[in-house]
Amino acid sequence: MKLKLIISILLVSISNNCLSNNDFDKKIIVDISEQKLYLHNYAKKEVKIYPVSTSKYGIGSEANSYKTPLGLHRIENKIGHGAERNTIFKARRNTGRKAIINTPGSGDSITSRIMWLKGLELGKNSGEGIDSYRRYIYIHGTREENKIGQVASHGCIRMYNKDVIELFDRVDEGIIVEIKP
């Protein structure tokens, strides 16, 4: 199973010209059924586990569905380096405002860091009407930290702000992200 996954990642990476020296050192796995994100560092034989929140609308790749897409992705862009914890982002830009965490009725703000995902599987999470990148699917912080560990997002993978900053600092653009049911 691991060999099949490594071969799939290699083939997708070659076809998308995204190989780097660190492509096989680290990998992120998001397990929707567990509401957890696993950062595997194969070189150091360690795994870091973070609780997350995925879509309250379920699993899917359709545009405007607000569902979390499955399959192989990579972090295409990292946004927010150096921003203060709980900083609010609008349209991927730092607003300079800070979120008040767990305020009732505060909504689905994107906070602290953004790791923008690009789907790597044509017809599954890449292509017309199902493209994760065009759907703005991110791993990001949230002001609704009280909902981490349960389905609550609008398609993205939400994390505690301290955790998303830590993850952001530990990974590079290009790292593979596998989202599984």
Protein backbone atom coordinates (compact mmCIF):
# COMPACT_ATOMS: atom_id res chain seq x y z
CA MET A 1 0.00 0.00 0.00
CA LYS A 2 2.78 2.47 0.93
CA LEU A 3 4.70 1.63 -2.24
CA LYS A 4 1.58 2.22 -4.36
CA LEU A 5 1.07 5.60 -2.66
CA ILE A 6 4.72 6.61 -3.18
CA ILE A 7 4.52 5.63 -6.85
CA SER A 8 1.28 7.65 -7.24
CA ILE A 9 2.88 10.70 -5.62
CA LEU A 10 5.95 10.35 -7.83
CA LEU A 11 3.88 10.09 -11.01
CA VAL A 12 1.69 13.04 -10.05
CA SER A 13 4.75 15.07 -9.03
CA ILE A 14 6.54 14.35 -12.31
CA SER A 15 3.46 15.23 -14.35
CA ASN A 16 3.05 18.50 -12.44
CA ASN A 17 6.76 19.41 -12.31
CA CYS A 18 6.66 19.76 -8.54
CA LEU A 19 9.51 17.58 -7.33
CA SER A 20 11.87 19.04 -4.74
CA ASN A 21 14.41 17.57 -2.34
CA ASN A 22 11.83 17.39 0.46
CA ASP A 23 8.94 15.81 -1.47
CA PHE A 24 9.45 12.40 0.11
CA ASP A 25 10.62 13.53 3.57
CA LYS A 26 7.23 14.84 4.67
CA LYS A 27 3.60 14.25 3.85
CA ILE A 28 0.30 15.45 5.29
CA ILE A 29 -2.69 13.14 5.63
CA VAL A 30 -6.09 14.58 6.54
CA ASP A 31 -8.43 11.89 7.87
CA ILE A 32 -11.99 13.20 7.66
CA SER A 33 -13.53 10.35 9.68
CA GLU A 34 -11.15 11.10 12.56
CA GLN A 35 -11.09 14.91 12.09
CA LYS A 36 -7.30 14.76 12.37
CA LEU A 37 -4.34 15.93 10.32
CA TYR A 38 -1.16 13.84 10.41
CA LEU A 39 2.21 15.32 9.49
CA HIS A 40 4.56 12.45 8.64
CA ASN A 41 8.27 13.19 8.64
CA TYR A 42 9.71 10.01 7.16
CA ALA A 43 13.35 11.12 7.49
CA LYS A 44 12.97 11.55 11.27
CA LYS A 45 10.42 8.72 11.67
CA GLU A 46 7.99 10.99 13.48
CA VAL A 47 4.33 11.83 13.21
CA LYS A 48 2.68 14.97 14.53
CA ILE A 49 -1.11 14.80 14.96
CA TYR A 50 -3.40 17.85 14.94
CA PRO A 51 -7.18 17.99 15.44
CA VAL A 52 -9.01 19.66 12.55
CA SER A 53 -12.46 20.57 11.32
CA THR A 54 -13.62 19.68 7.81
CA SER A 55 -16.84 20.48 5.94
CA LYS A 56 -20.21 20.30 7.64
CA TYR A 57 -21.64 19.66 4.15
CA GLY A 58 -19.72 16.42 3.64
CA ILE A 59 -17.21 15.15 1.11
CA GLY A 60 -17.08 16.30 -2.50
CA SER A 61 -15.27 18.27 -5.15
CA GLU A 62 -18.07 20.10 -6.94
CA ALA A 63 -17.72 23.87 -7.24
CA ASN A 64 -19.97 25.82 -4.84
CA SER A 65 -20.73 22.66 -2.82
CA TYR A 66 -18.85 23.78 0.32
CA LYS A 67 -17.66 20.16 0.65
CA THR A 68 -14.15 18.95 1.47
CA PRO A 69 -12.46 17.32 -1.56
CA LEU A 70 -10.72 13.95 -1.38
CA GLY A 71 -7.50 12.73 -2.94
CA LEU A 72 -3.97 13.91 -3.52
CA HIS A 73 -3.20 17.62 -3.29
CA ARG A 74 -0.13 19.73 -2.74
CA ILE A 75 0.33 23.00 -0.91
CA GLU A 76 0.58 25.38 -3.83
CA ASN A 77 0.87 28.63 -1.86
CA LYS A 78 1.67 29.53 1.74
CA ILE A 79 0.24 32.87 2.82
CA GLY A 80 0.64 34.77 6.08
CA HIS A 81 4.28 34.31 7.02
CA GLY A 82 5.02 36.45 10.07
CA ALA A 83 1.41 37.51 10.69
CA GLU A 84 0.35 37.70 14.31
CA ARG A 85 -1.67 34.82 15.72
CA ASN A 86 -5.44 35.27 15.13
CA THR A 87 -4.92 37.81 12.33
CA ILE A 88 -7.91 37.84 9.95
CA PHE A 89 -7.35 37.34 6.21
CA LYS A 90 -9.80 38.45 3.51
CA ALA A 91 -9.17 37.37 -0.09
CA ARG A 92 -5.80 36.05 1.08
CA ARG A 93 -4.73 39.47 2.35
CA ASN A 94 -3.82 40.39 5.92
CA THR A 95 -6.50 42.80 7.20
CA GLY A 96 -4.41 43.88 10.17
CA ARG A 97 -7.35 42.98 12.45
CA LYS A 98 -7.30 40.20 15.02
CA ALA A 99 -10.16 37.77 15.59
CA ILE A 100 -11.72 37.29 18.99
CA ILE A 101 -11.72 33.51 19.31
CA ASN A 102 -15.00 31.62 19.93
CA THR A 103 -17.22 34.69 19.83
CA PRO A 104 -20.82 33.57 19.17
CA GLY A 105 -22.06 34.53 15.71
CA SER A 106 -18.57 35.50 14.53
CA GLY A 107 -18.74 33.33 11.40
CA ASP A 108 -16.17 31.50 9.32
CA SER A 109 -13.10 33.74 9.32
CA ILE A 110 -9.74 32.66 7.91
CA THR A 111 -7.08 33.41 10.50
CA SER A 112 -3.33 33.23 11.21
CA ARG A 113 -2.07 31.27 8.14
CA ILE A 114 -3.28 29.93 4.79
CA MET A 115 -1.95 26.88 2.96
CA TRP A 116 -3.75 26.87 -0.40
CA LEU A 117 -4.29 23.40 -1.85
CA LYS A 118 -4.00 22.39 -5.50
CA GLY A 119 -5.67 19.14 -6.54
CA LEU A 120 -3.40 16.68 -8.32
CA GLU A 121 -5.95 14.21 -9.67
CA LEU A 122 -7.60 15.28 -12.91
CA GLY A 123 -11.30 14.46 -12.82
CA LYS A 124 -11.29 14.03 -9.04
CA ASN A 125 -10.04 17.32 -7.52
CA SER A 126 -8.58 19.07 -10.56
CA GLY A 127 -10.35 20.24 -13.69
CA GLU A 128 -13.49 22.07 -14.74
CA GLY A 129 -16.14 22.32 -12.02
CA ILE A 130 -14.17 20.34 -9.41
CA ASP A 131 -10.86 22.18 -9.04
CA SER A 132 -9.69 22.49 -5.40
CA TYR A 133 -7.42 25.43 -6.22
CA ARG A 134 -10.18 27.39 -7.99
CA ARG A 135 -12.52 26.50 -5.11
CA TYR A 136 -10.06 28.17 -2.68
CA ILE A 137 -9.62 25.08 -0.52
CA TYR A 138 -7.17 25.91 2.28
CA ILE A 139 -5.70 24.61 5.47
CA HIS A 140 -6.16 27.62 7.75
CA GLY A 141 -6.75 28.93 11.25
CA THR A 142 -10.24 29.78 12.51
CA ARG A 143 -11.93 32.00 15.04
CA GLU A 144 -14.29 29.08 15.77
CA GLU A 145 -11.72 27.01 17.66
CA ASN A 146 -14.51 25.54 19.80
CA LYS A 147 -15.62 23.59 16.68
CA ILE A 148 -12.26 21.93 16.01
CA GLY A 149 -12.65 18.15 16.07
CA GLN A 150 -16.10 18.24 14.49
CA VAL A 151 -17.42 18.94 11.01
CA ALA A 152 -18.01 22.68 10.77
CA SER A 153 -16.16 24.26 7.84
CA HIS A 154 -17.29 25.35 4.40
CA GLY A 155 -14.92 22.94 2.61
CA CYS A 156 -11.54 23.92 4.02
CA ILE A 157 -9.50 22.22 6.71
CA ARG A 158 -9.60 24.38 9.82
CA MET A 159 -7.03 24.21 12.60
CA TYR A 160 -6.36 25.83 15.96
CA ASN A 161 -4.40 29.01 15.30
CA LYS A 162 -1.34 27.88 17.27
CA ASP A 163 -1.37 24.58 15.37
CA VAL A 164 -1.72 26.10 11.89
CA ILE A 165 1.22 28.41 12.60
CA GLU A 166 3.32 25.45 13.75
CA LEU A 167 2.37 23.36 10.71
CA PHE A 168 3.01 26.31 8.36
CA ASP A 169 6.52 26.67 9.77
CA ARG A 170 7.24 22.93 9.45
CA VAL A 171 6.29 22.40 5.78
CA ASP A 172 7.25 23.80 2.39
CA GLU A 173 5.18 24.66 -0.63
CA GLY A 174 4.89 21.52 -2.74
CA ILE A 175 4.34 19.11 0.15
CA ILE A 176 1.80 16.39 -0.67
CA VAL A 177 -1.53 16.47 1.18
CA GLU A 178 -3.74 13.39 0.98
CA ILE A 179 -7.35 13.90 2.07
CA LYS A 180 -9.10 10.64 2.85
CA PRO A 181 -12.62 9.81 4.00
